C-alpha atoms as a PDB file:
ATOM      1  CA  UNK A   1       1.782   3.477   9.072  1.00  0.00           C
ATOM      2  CA  UNK A   2       0.250   5.440   7.381  1.00  0.00           C
ATOM      3  CA  UNK A   3       1.610   4.012   4.114  1.00  0.00           C
ATOM      4  CA  UNK A   4       1.007   4.682   0.424  1.00  0.00           C
ATOM      5  CA  UNK A   5      -2.738   3.791   0.355  1.00  0.00           C
ATOM      6  CA  UNK A   6      -3.469   5.992   3.343  1.00  0.00           C
ATOM      7  CA  UNK A   7      -1.497   8.938   1.871  1.00  0.00           C
ATOM      8  CA  UNK A   8      -3.081   8.429  -1.595  1.00  0.00           C
ATOM      9  CA  UNK A   9      -6.553   8.362   0.003  1.00  0.00           C
ATOM     10  CA  UNK A  10      -5.704  11.600   1.911  1.00  0.00           C
ATOM     11  CA  UNK A  11      -4.494  13.221  -1.276  1.00  0.00           C
ATOM     12  CA  UNK A  12      -7.638  12.362  -3.157  1.00  0.00           C
ATOM     13  CA  UNK A  13      -9.788  13.535  -0.267  1.00  0.00           C
ATOM     14  CA  UNK A  14      -8.012  16.869   0.006  1.00  0.00           C
ATOM     15  CA  UNK A  15      -8.007  17.754  -3.688  1.00  0.00           C
ATOM     16  CA  UNK A  16     -11.719  18.755  -4.091  1.00  0.00           C
ATOM     17  CA  UNK A  17     -11.545  20.672  -0.832  1.00  0.00           C
ATOM     18  CA  UNK A  18      -8.488  22.880  -1.467  1.00  0.00           C
ATOM     19  CA  UNK A  19      -7.623  22.833  -5.168  1.00  0.00           C
ATOM     20  CA  UNK A  20      -7.686  26.323  -6.573  1.00  0.00           C
ATOM     21  CA  UNK A  21      -8.503  27.754  -3.131  1.00  0.00           C
ATOM     22  CA  UNK A  22      -6.586  30.405  -1.206  1.00  0.00           C
ATOM     23  CA  UNK A  23      -4.923  29.791   2.106  1.00  0.00           C
ATOM     24  CA  UNK A  24      -5.953  32.600   4.471  1.00  0.00           C
ATOM     25  CA  UNK A  25      -4.188  31.558   7.650  1.00  0.00           C
ATOM     26  CA  UNK A  26      -2.242  28.956   9.556  1.00  0.00           C
ATOM     27  CA  UNK A  27      -2.296  28.148  13.215  1.00  0.00           C
ATOM     28  CA  UNK A  28       0.640  26.171  14.640  1.00  0.00           C
ATOM     29  CA  UNK A  29       0.148  24.824  18.174  1.00  0.00           C
ATOM     30  CA  UNK A  30       3.287  22.688  18.338  1.00  0.00           C
ATOM     31  CA  UNK A  31       6.254  22.925  15.979  1.00  0.00           C
ATOM     32  CA  UNK A  32       7.956  19.876  17.501  1.00  0.00           C
ATOM     33  CA  UNK A  33       7.434  17.314  14.784  1.00  0.00           C
ATOM     34  CA  UNK A  34      10.146  14.936  13.570  1.00  0.00           C
ATOM     35  CA  UNK A  35      11.720  17.984  11.947  1.00  0.00           C
ATOM     36  CA  UNK A  36      10.542  21.328  13.482  1.00  0.00           C
ATOM     37  CA  UNK A  37       7.974  23.170  11.490  1.00  0.00           C
ATOM     38  CA  UNK A  38       9.698  26.222   9.925  1.00  0.00           C
ATOM     39  CA  UNK A  39       9.123  29.467  11.814  1.00  0.00           C
ATOM     40  CA  UNK A  40       8.414  31.268   8.481  1.00  0.00           C
ATOM     41  CA  UNK A  41       5.956  28.682   7.101  1.00  0.00           C
ATOM     42  CA  UNK A  42       2.962  31.075   7.437  1.00  0.00           C
ATOM     43  CA  UNK A  43       4.770  33.614   5.277  1.00  0.00           C
ATOM     44  CA  UNK A  44       5.055  31.055   2.461  1.00  0.00           C
ATOM     45  CA  UNK A  45       1.477  29.854   2.669  1.00  0.00           C
ATOM     46  CA  UNK A  46      -0.794  32.761   3.590  1.00  0.00           C
ATOM     47  CA  UNK A  47      -2.615  34.462   0.736  1.00  0.00           C
ATOM     48  CA  UNK A  48      -1.356  31.856  -1.726  1.00  0.00           C
ATOM     49  CA  UNK A  49      -3.476  29.589  -3.941  1.00  0.00           C
ATOM     50  CA  UNK A  50      -3.150  25.816  -3.834  1.00  0.00           C
ATOM     51  CA  UNK A  51      -2.451  24.838  -7.447  1.00  0.00           C
ATOM     52  CA  UNK A  52      -2.271  21.126  -6.862  1.00  0.00           C
ATOM     53  CA  UNK A  53      -1.897  18.255  -4.415  1.00  0.00           C
ATOM     54  CA  UNK A  54       0.163  15.165  -5.287  1.00  0.00           C
ATOM     55  CA  UNK A  55       1.828  12.225  -3.615  1.00  0.00           C
ATOM     56  CA  UNK A  56       5.418  10.969  -3.896  1.00  0.00           C
ATOM     57  CA  UNK A  57       5.872   7.760  -1.944  1.00  0.00           C
ATOM     58  CA  UNK A  58       4.496   8.521   1.480  1.00  0.00           C
ATOM     59  CA  UNK A  59       4.881  12.269   1.091  1.00  0.00           C
ATOM     60  CA  UNK A  60       2.092  14.776   0.269  1.00  0.00           C
ATOM     61  CA  UNK A  61       3.093  17.789  -1.845  1.00  0.00           C
ATOM     62  CA  UNK A  62       0.900  20.830  -1.874  1.00  0.00           C
ATOM     63  CA  UNK A  63       1.757  22.993  -4.966  1.00  0.00           C
ATOM     64  CA  UNK A  64       1.558  26.536  -3.625  1.00  0.00           C
ATOM     65  CA  UNK A  65       1.656  28.494  -6.893  1.00  0.00           C
ATOM     66  CA  UNK A  66       5.050  26.971  -7.626  1.00  0.00           C
ATOM     67  CA  UNK A  67       4.949  28.002 -11.279  1.00  0.00           C
ATOM     68  CA  UNK A  68       4.622  31.597 -10.210  1.00  0.00           C
ATOM     69  CA  UNK A  69       7.588  31.563  -7.920  1.00  0.00           C
ATOM     70  CA  UNK A  70       6.018  29.861  -4.864  1.00  0.00           C
ATOM     71  CA  UNK A  71       6.935  26.368  -3.844  1.00  0.00           C
ATOM     72  CA  UNK A  72       5.612  23.212  -2.122  1.00  0.00           C
ATOM     73  CA  UNK A  73       4.411  22.277   1.257  1.00  0.00           C
ATOM     74  CA  UNK A  74       5.856  18.818   1.956  1.00  0.00           C
ATOM     75  CA  UNK A  75       3.800  16.786   4.490  1.00  0.00           C
ATOM     76  CA  UNK A  76       4.521  13.456   6.022  1.00  0.00           C
ATOM     77  CA  UNK A  77       2.048  11.715   8.305  1.00  0.00           C
ATOM     78  CA  UNK A  78       4.694   9.870  10.296  1.00  0.00           C
ATOM     79  CA  UNK A  79       3.591   6.884  12.334  1.00  0.00           C
ATOM     80  CA  UNK A  80       0.313   8.225  13.692  1.00  0.00           C
ATOM     81  CA  UNK A  81      -0.630  11.316  11.707  1.00  0.00           C
ATOM     82  CA  UNK A  82      -3.660  12.304   9.688  1.00  0.00           C
ATOM     83  CA  UNK A  83      -4.732  15.330   7.637  1.00  0.00           C
ATOM     84  CA  UNK A  84      -8.472  15.908   7.587  1.00  0.00           C
ATOM     85  CA  UNK A  85     -10.943  18.563   6.596  1.00  0.00           C
ATOM     86  CA  UNK A  86     -13.158  20.116   9.257  1.00  0.00           C
ATOM     87  CA  UNK A  87     -15.112  23.283   9.988  1.00  0.00           C
ATOM     88  CA  UNK A  88     -13.494  26.404  11.517  1.00  0.00           C
ATOM     89  CA  UNK A  89     -15.872  26.022  14.483  1.00  0.00           C
ATOM     90  CA  UNK A  90     -14.578  22.511  15.381  1.00  0.00           C
ATOM     91  CA  UNK A  91     -12.492  22.824  18.536  1.00  0.00           C
ATOM     92  CA  UNK A  92      -9.028  21.353  18.386  1.00  0.00           C
ATOM     93  CA  UNK A  93      -8.134  18.377  20.516  1.00  0.00           C
ATOM     94  CA  UNK A  94      -4.914  17.576  22.346  1.00  0.00           C
ATOM     95  CA  UNK A  95      -2.891  16.294  19.399  1.00  0.00           C
ATOM     96  CA  UNK A  96      -4.129  18.693  16.716  1.00  0.00           C
ATOM     97  CA  UNK A  97      -0.934  20.504  16.003  1.00  0.00           C
ATOM     98  CA  UNK A  98      -1.599  22.529  12.841  1.00  0.00           C
ATOM     99  CA  UNK A  99      -4.669  24.183  11.239  1.00  0.00           C
ATOM    100  CA  UNK A 100      -4.547  25.486   7.704  1.00  0.00           C
ATOM    101  CA  UNK A 101      -7.529  27.746   6.952  1.00  0.00           C
ATOM    102  CA  UNK A 102      -8.741  27.750   3.344  1.00  0.00           C
ATOM    103  CA  UNK A 103     -11.108  30.444   1.939  1.00  0.00           C
ATOM    104  CA  UNK A 104     -12.366  31.154   5.487  1.00  0.00           C
ATOM    105  CA  UNK A 105     -14.655  28.141   4.982  1.00  0.00           C
ATOM    106  CA  UNK A 106     -12.709  25.021   5.984  1.00  0.00           C
ATOM    107  CA  UNK A 107      -9.758  23.982   8.088  1.00  0.00           C
ATOM    108  CA  UNK A 108      -7.293  21.309   7.053  1.00  0.00           C
ATOM    109  CA  UNK A 109      -6.167  19.916  10.436  1.00  0.00           C
ATOM    110  CA  UNK A 110      -3.028  17.947  11.170  1.00  0.00           C
ATOM    111  CA  UNK A 111      -3.383  15.429  13.997  1.00  0.00           C
ATOM    112  CA  UNK A 112      -0.386  13.454  15.225  1.00  0.00           C
ATOM    113  CA  UNK A 113      -0.167  11.907  18.714  1.00  0.00           C
ATOM    114  CA  UNK A 114       3.419  10.741  18.285  1.00  0.00           C
ATOM    115  CA  UNK A 115       4.678  13.835  16.338  1.00  0.00           C
ATOM    116  CA  UNK A 116       6.813  11.759  13.931  1.00  0.00           C
ATOM    117  CA  UNK A 117       5.406  13.542  10.884  1.00  0.00           C
ATOM    118  CA  UNK A 118       6.617  16.634   9.061  1.00  0.00           C
ATOM    119  CA  UNK A 119       5.482  19.907   7.484  1.00  0.00           C
ATOM    120  CA  UNK A 120       8.328  21.470   5.577  1.00  0.00           C
ATOM    121  CA  UNK A 121       8.709  24.140   2.847  1.00  0.00           C
ATOM    122  CA  UNK A 122      10.333  23.619  -0.540  1.00  0.00           C
ATOM    123  CA  UNK A 123      11.165  26.739  -2.592  1.00  0.00           C
ATOM    124  CA  UNK A 124      10.860  26.840  -6.351  1.00  0.00           C
ATOM    125  CA  UNK A 125       8.924  25.351  -9.259  1.00  0.00           C
ATOM    126  CA  UNK A 126      10.061  21.728  -8.683  1.00  0.00           C
ATOM    127  CA  UNK A 127       9.715  19.597  -5.506  1.00  0.00           C
ATOM    128  CA  UNK A 128      13.422  18.966  -4.885  1.00  0.00           C
ATOM    129  CA  UNK A 129      14.319  17.921  -1.384  1.00  0.00           C
ATOM    130  CA  UNK A 130      16.730  15.426   0.304  1.00  0.00           C
ATOM    131  CA  UNK A 131      13.766  13.401   1.642  1.00  0.00           C
ATOM    132  CA  UNK A 132      12.638  12.813  -1.956  1.00  0.00           C
ATOM    133  CA  UNK A 133      16.007  12.397  -3.754  1.00  0.00           C
ATOM    134  CA  UNK A 134      16.642   8.703  -3.249  1.00  0.00           C
ATOM    135  CA  UNK A 135      13.123   7.285  -3.520  1.00  0.00           C
ATOM    136  CA  UNK A 136      12.498   4.336  -5.833  1.00  0.00           C
ATOM    137  CA  UNK A 137       9.771   4.166  -8.476  1.00  0.00           C
ATOM    138  CA  UNK A 138       6.081   4.381  -7.697  1.00  0.00           C
ATOM    139  CA  UNK A 139       4.617   0.860  -7.507  1.00  0.00           C
ATOM    140  CA  UNK A 140       1.527   1.917  -9.518  1.00  0.00           C
ATOM    141  CA  UNK A 141       3.609   3.679 -12.137  1.00  0.00           C
ATOM    142  CA  UNK A 142       5.112   2.576 -15.504  1.00  0.00           C
ATOM    143  CA  UNK A 143       8.677   2.212 -14.198  1.00  0.00           C
ATOM    144  CA  UNK A 144       7.865  -0.516 -11.738  1.00  0.00           C
ATOM    145  CA  UNK A 145       7.721  -4.199 -12.720  1.00  0.00           C
ATOM    146  CA  UNK A 146       9.318  -7.538 -12.007  1.00  0.00           C
ATOM    147  CA  UNK A 147      12.382  -6.774 -14.047  1.00  0.00           C
ATOM    148  CA  UNK A 148      13.107  -3.762 -11.834  1.00  0.00           C
ATOM    149  CA  UNK A 149      12.845  -5.838  -8.644  1.00  0.00           C
ATOM    150  CA  UNK A 150      14.939  -8.671 -10.148  1.00  0.00           C
ATOM    151  CA  UNK A 151      17.707  -6.352 -11.344  1.00  0.00           C
ATOM    152  CA  UNK A 152      18.110  -4.854  -7.841  1.00  0.00           C
ATOM    153  CA  UNK A 153      17.888  -8.185  -6.010  1.00  0.00           C
ATOM    154  CA  UNK A 154      20.905  -9.904  -7.589  1.00  0.00           C
ATOM    155  CA  UNK A 155      23.261 -11.114  -4.910  1.00  0.00           C
ATOM    156  CA  UNK A 156      21.115  -9.764  -2.075  1.00  0.00           C
ATOM    157  CA  UNK A 157      20.719 -11.923   1.035  1.00  0.00           C
ATOM    158  CA  UNK A 158      18.185  -9.638   2.686  1.00  0.00           C
ATOM    159  CA  UNK A 159      14.688 -11.218   2.974  1.00  0.00           C
ATOM    160  CA  UNK A 160      12.365 -10.423   0.202  1.00  0.00           C
ATOM    161  CA  UNK A 161       9.903  -8.780   2.618  1.00  0.00           C
ATOM    162  CA  UNK A 162      12.511  -6.315   3.846  1.00  0.00           C
ATOM    163  CA  UNK A 163      13.691  -5.809   0.310  1.00  0.00           C
ATOM    164  CA  UNK A 164      10.322  -4.618  -1.084  1.00  0.00           C
ATOM    165  CA  UNK A 165       9.816  -2.407   2.032  1.00  0.00           C
ATOM    166  CA  UNK A 166      13.028  -0.492   1.171  1.00  0.00           C
ATOM    167  CA  UNK A 167      11.900   2.893  -0.236  1.00  0.00           C
ATOM    168  CA  UNK A 168      14.974   3.077  -2.519  1.00  0.00           C
ATOM    169  CA  UNK A 169      13.723  -0.139  -4.200  1.00  0.00           C
ATOM    170  CA  UNK A 170      10.054   0.805  -4.457  1.00  0.00           C
ATOM    171  CA  UNK A 171       8.124   3.411  -2.499  1.00  0.00           C
ATOM    172  CA  UNK A 172       5.131   2.913  -0.253  1.00  0.00           C
ATOM    173  CA  UNK A 173       5.083  -0.853   0.364  1.00  0.00           C
ATOM    174  CA  UNK A 174       4.577  -0.860   4.141  1.00  0.00           C
ATOM    175  CA  UNK A 175       4.341  -3.755   6.557  1.00  0.00           C
ATOM    176  CA  UNK A 176       0.697  -4.579   5.964  1.00  0.00           C
ATOM    177  CA  UNK A 177       0.929  -4.426   2.202  1.00  0.00           C
ATOM    178  CA  UNK A 178       4.189  -6.357   1.948  1.00  0.00           C
ATOM    179  CA  UNK A 179       2.738  -9.293   3.879  1.00  0.00           C
ATOM    180  CA  UNK A 180      -0.442  -9.235   1.748  1.00  0.00           C
ATOM    181  CA  UNK A 181       1.419  -8.949  -1.594  1.00  0.00           C
ATOM    182  CA  UNK A 182       3.737 -11.843  -0.707  1.00  0.00           C
ATOM    183  CA  UNK A 183       0.789 -13.999   0.136  1.00  0.00           C
ATOM    184  CA  UNK A 184      -0.870 -13.281  -3.180  1.00  0.00           C
ATOM    185  CA  UNK A 185       2.383 -14.005  -5.039  1.00  0.00           C
ATOM    186  CA  UNK A 186       2.881 -17.230  -3.036  1.00  0.00           C
ATOM    187  CA  UNK A 187       6.342 -16.187  -1.868  1.00  0.00           C
ATOM    188  CA  UNK A 188       7.572 -16.874   1.720  1.00  0.00           C
ATOM    189  CA  UNK A 189       8.619 -13.573   3.289  1.00  0.00           C
ATOM    190  CA  UNK A 190      11.857 -14.950   4.721  1.00  0.00           C
ATOM    191  CA  UNK A 191      13.279 -16.059   1.342  1.00  0.00           C
ATOM    192  CA  UNK A 192      16.409 -14.179   0.348  1.00  0.00           C
ATOM    193  CA  UNK A 193      15.655 -11.609  -2.337  1.00  0.00           C
ATOM    194  CA  UNK A 194      18.597 -12.821  -4.444  1.00  0.00           C
ATOM    195  CA  UNK A 195      17.141 -16.319  -4.702  1.00  0.00           C
ATOM    196  CA  UNK A 196      13.922 -15.233  -6.348  1.00  0.00           C
ATOM    197  CA  UNK A 197      13.527 -15.704 -10.076  1.00  0.00           C
ATOM    198  CA  UNK A 198      12.421 -13.079 -12.605  1.00  0.00           C
ATOM    199  CA  UNK A 199       9.142 -15.013 -13.116  1.00  0.00           C
ATOM    200  CA  UNK A 200       8.352 -14.881  -9.416  1.00  0.00           C
ATOM    201  CA  UNK A 201       9.261 -11.231  -9.229  1.00  0.00           C
ATOM    202  CA  UNK A 202       6.845 -10.608 -12.094  1.00  0.00           C
ATOM    203  CA  UNK A 203       4.138 -12.229  -9.973  1.00  0.00           C
ATOM    204  CA  UNK A 204       5.198 -10.166  -6.917  1.00  0.00           C
ATOM    205  CA  UNK A 205       5.121  -6.865  -8.773  1.00  0.00           C
ATOM    206  CA  UNK A 206       1.622  -7.638  -9.992  1.00  0.00           C
ATOM    207  CA  UNK A 207       0.589  -8.609  -6.441  1.00  0.00           C
ATOM    208  CA  UNK A 208       1.926  -5.334  -5.016  1.00  0.00           C
ATOM    209  CA  UNK A 209      -0.082  -3.408  -7.582  1.00  0.00           C
ATOM    210  CA  UNK A 210      -3.183  -5.423  -6.853  1.00  0.00           C
ATOM    211  CA  UNK A 211      -2.783  -5.087  -3.071  1.00  0.00           C
ATOM    212  CA  UNK A 212      -2.202  -1.320  -3.141  1.00  0.00           C
ATOM    213  CA  UNK A 213      -5.083  -0.752  -5.528  1.00  0.00           C
ATOM    214  CA  UNK A 214      -7.451  -2.779  -3.332  1.00  0.00           C
ATOM    215  CA  UNK A 215      -6.259  -0.804  -0.232  1.00  0.00           C
ATOM    216  CA  UNK A 216      -6.787   2.555  -1.928  1.00  0.00           C
ATOM    217  CA  UNK A 217     -10.284   1.511  -2.988  1.00  0.00           C
ATOM    218  CA  UNK A 218     -10.981   0.550   0.636  1.00  0.00           C
ATOM    219  CA  UNK A 219      -9.720   3.925   1.940  1.00  0.00           C
ATOM    220  CA  UNK A 220      -6.581   2.525   3.446  1.00  0.00           C
ATOM    221  CA  UNK A 221      -6.135   0.768   6.770  1.00  0.00           C
ATOM    222  CA  UNK A 222      -7.289   2.315  10.070  1.00  0.00           C
ATOM    223  CA  UNK A 223      -5.466   0.377  12.776  1.00  0.00           C
ATOM    224  CA  UNK A 224      -4.777   3.170  15.254  1.00  0.00           C
ATOM    225  CA  UNK A 225      -5.009   6.921  14.566  1.00  0.00           C
ATOM    226  CA  UNK A 226      -5.293   7.190  10.798  1.00  0.00           C
ATOM    227  CA  UNK A 227      -8.506   8.662   9.395  1.00  0.00           C
ATOM    228  CA  UNK A 228      -9.285   9.821   5.817  1.00  0.00           C
ATOM    229  CA  UNK A 229      -9.573  13.474   4.794  1.00  0.00           C
ATOM    230  CA  UNK A 230     -13.305  13.389   5.573  1.00  0.00           C
ATOM    231  CA  UNK A 231     -12.572  12.045   9.095  1.00  0.00           C
ATOM    232  CA  UNK A 232     -13.858   8.541   8.297  1.00  0.00           C
ATOM    233  CA  UNK A 233     -11.912   5.303   8.743  1.00  0.00           C
ATOM    234  CA  UNK A 234     -10.387   3.114   6.071  1.00  0.00           C
ATOM    235  CA  UNK A 235     -11.555  -0.512   5.835  1.00  0.00           C
ATOM    236  CA  UNK A 236      -8.726  -2.532   4.224  1.00  0.00           C
ATOM    237  CA  UNK A 237      -7.850  -4.060   7.618  1.00  0.00           C
ATOM    238  CA  UNK A 238     -11.134  -5.900   7.377  1.00  0.00           C
ATOM    239  CA  UNK A 239     -10.148  -7.536   4.045  1.00  0.00           C
ATOM    240  CA  UNK A 240      -6.652  -8.848   4.686  1.00  0.00           C
ATOM    241  CA  UNK A 241      -5.653 -12.399   3.743  1.00  0.00           C
ATOM    242  CA  UNK A 242      -2.875 -12.765   6.336  1.00  0.00           C
ATOM    243  CA  UNK A 243      -2.091  -9.519   8.151  1.00  0.00           C
ATOM    244  CA  UNK A 244      -3.140  -9.516  11.785  1.00  0.00           C
ATOM    245  CA  UNK A 245      -4.677 -13.003  11.389  1.00  0.00           C
ATOM    246  CA  UNK A 246      -2.228 -15.101  13.414  1.00  0.00           C
ATOM    247  CA  UNK A 247      -3.617 -18.620  14.032  1.00  0.00           C
ATOM    248  CA  UNK A 248      -6.676 -17.873  11.956  1.00  0.00           C
ATOM    249  CA  UNK A 249      -7.418 -20.216   9.031  1.00  0.00           C
ATOM    250  CA  UNK A 250      -5.942 -19.349   5.685  1.00  0.00           C
ATOM    251  CA  UNK A 251      -8.597 -18.084   3.313  1.00  0.00           C
ATOM    252  CA  UNK A 252      -7.081 -20.230   0.577  1.00  0.00           C
ATOM    253  CA  UNK A 253      -5.989 -23.525   2.093  1.00  0.00           C
ATOM    254  CA  UNK A 254      -7.554 -23.525   5.553  1.00  0.00           C
ATOM    255  CA  UNK A 255      -4.213 -23.949   7.414  1.00  0.00           C
ATOM    256  CA  UNK A 256      -3.180 -21.659  10.238  1.00  0.00           C
ATOM    257  CA  UNK A 257      -1.590 -18.261   9.512  1.00  0.00           C
ATOM    258  CA  UNK A 258       1.709 -17.848  11.281  1.00  0.00           C
ATOM    259  CA  UNK A 259       3.315 -14.828  12.891  1.00  0.00           C
ATOM    260  CA  UNK A 260       7.053 -14.147  13.033  1.00  0.00           C
ATOM    261  CA  UNK A 261       9.233 -11.114  13.596  1.00  0.00           C
ATOM    262  CA  UNK A 262      11.400  -9.581  10.863  1.00  0.00           C
ATOM    263  CA  UNK A 263      13.395  -6.435  11.437  1.00  0.00           C
ATOM    264  CA  UNK A 264      11.313  -5.736  14.593  1.00  0.00           C
ATOM    265  CA  UNK A 265       8.092  -5.896  12.595  1.00  0.00           C
ATOM    266  CA  UNK A 266       5.292  -8.476  12.562  1.00  0.00           C
ATOM    267  CA  UNK A 267       5.175 -10.699   9.528  1.00  0.00           C
ATOM    268  CA  UNK A 268       2.142 -12.895   8.728  1.00  0.00           C
ATOM    269  CA  UNK A 269       2.220 -15.692   6.180  1.00  0.00           C
ATOM    270  CA  UNK A 270       0.722 -19.100   5.311  1.00  0.00           C
ATOM    271  CA  UNK A 271       3.406 -21.884   5.457  1.00  0.00           C
ATOM    272  CA  UNK A 272       1.405 -24.000   2.920  1.00  0.00           C
ATOM    273  CA  UNK A 273       0.598 -21.313   0.323  1.00  0.00           C
ATOM    274  CA  UNK A 274       3.855 -19.467   0.474  1.00  0.00           C
ATOM    275  CA  UNK A 275       7.044 -21.236  -0.608  1.00  0.00           C
END
């Protein structure tokens, strides 16, 4: 957390505020993120125009005139981070670690209580970086389908929930969205990935697309610190079928939703609807 829907929502919120605008300054209050913020980051950003903002998995990529010899600002929100637009007169709070000033009119502020995020620089016209090299396909893209999941699952004993949360298999399917997609597909989260048929993986791929699309339309999930680029909260957590609904009635069959632990994470499912 934040996962793909939260990062996509942030990306869409930042675009109209910074696309084609010039960065006029950067204030770094604390470099101690998961990887330290480069000491020369200001040199790469200041007086440069933002040519684009895109998402790869859970990473945000600011195109800083890359085609003209610039590069990319790679941002990761970690476990508790958010990037939001505010006014230059808004005073920073305790965990506001970075301010990026744009056109002397707005501030893009990075807030991260746990400091597990990242702000790194990538030189050159293409966003090549070790953090991006081994990522799987985008779940909303053309390369992702049931056949892709089935081909990677053969012989795998890992649970299907842990399988689809592996970023080398498919990016961005976090804990909330894995539980929700498995419920929609009717697949029990503890089932070994290698025991699932191509037909059921087709249903799961469609459920992942459906779940992530719903979450993006709801502005993501605000469970703790995440806020959208405009400072507002996401609402998907109010629409979940199983996540965070332990012992509540299933919206489909009326039975109780169960909670178990998988890989140190909470997993929610319906024993009747998911087989």
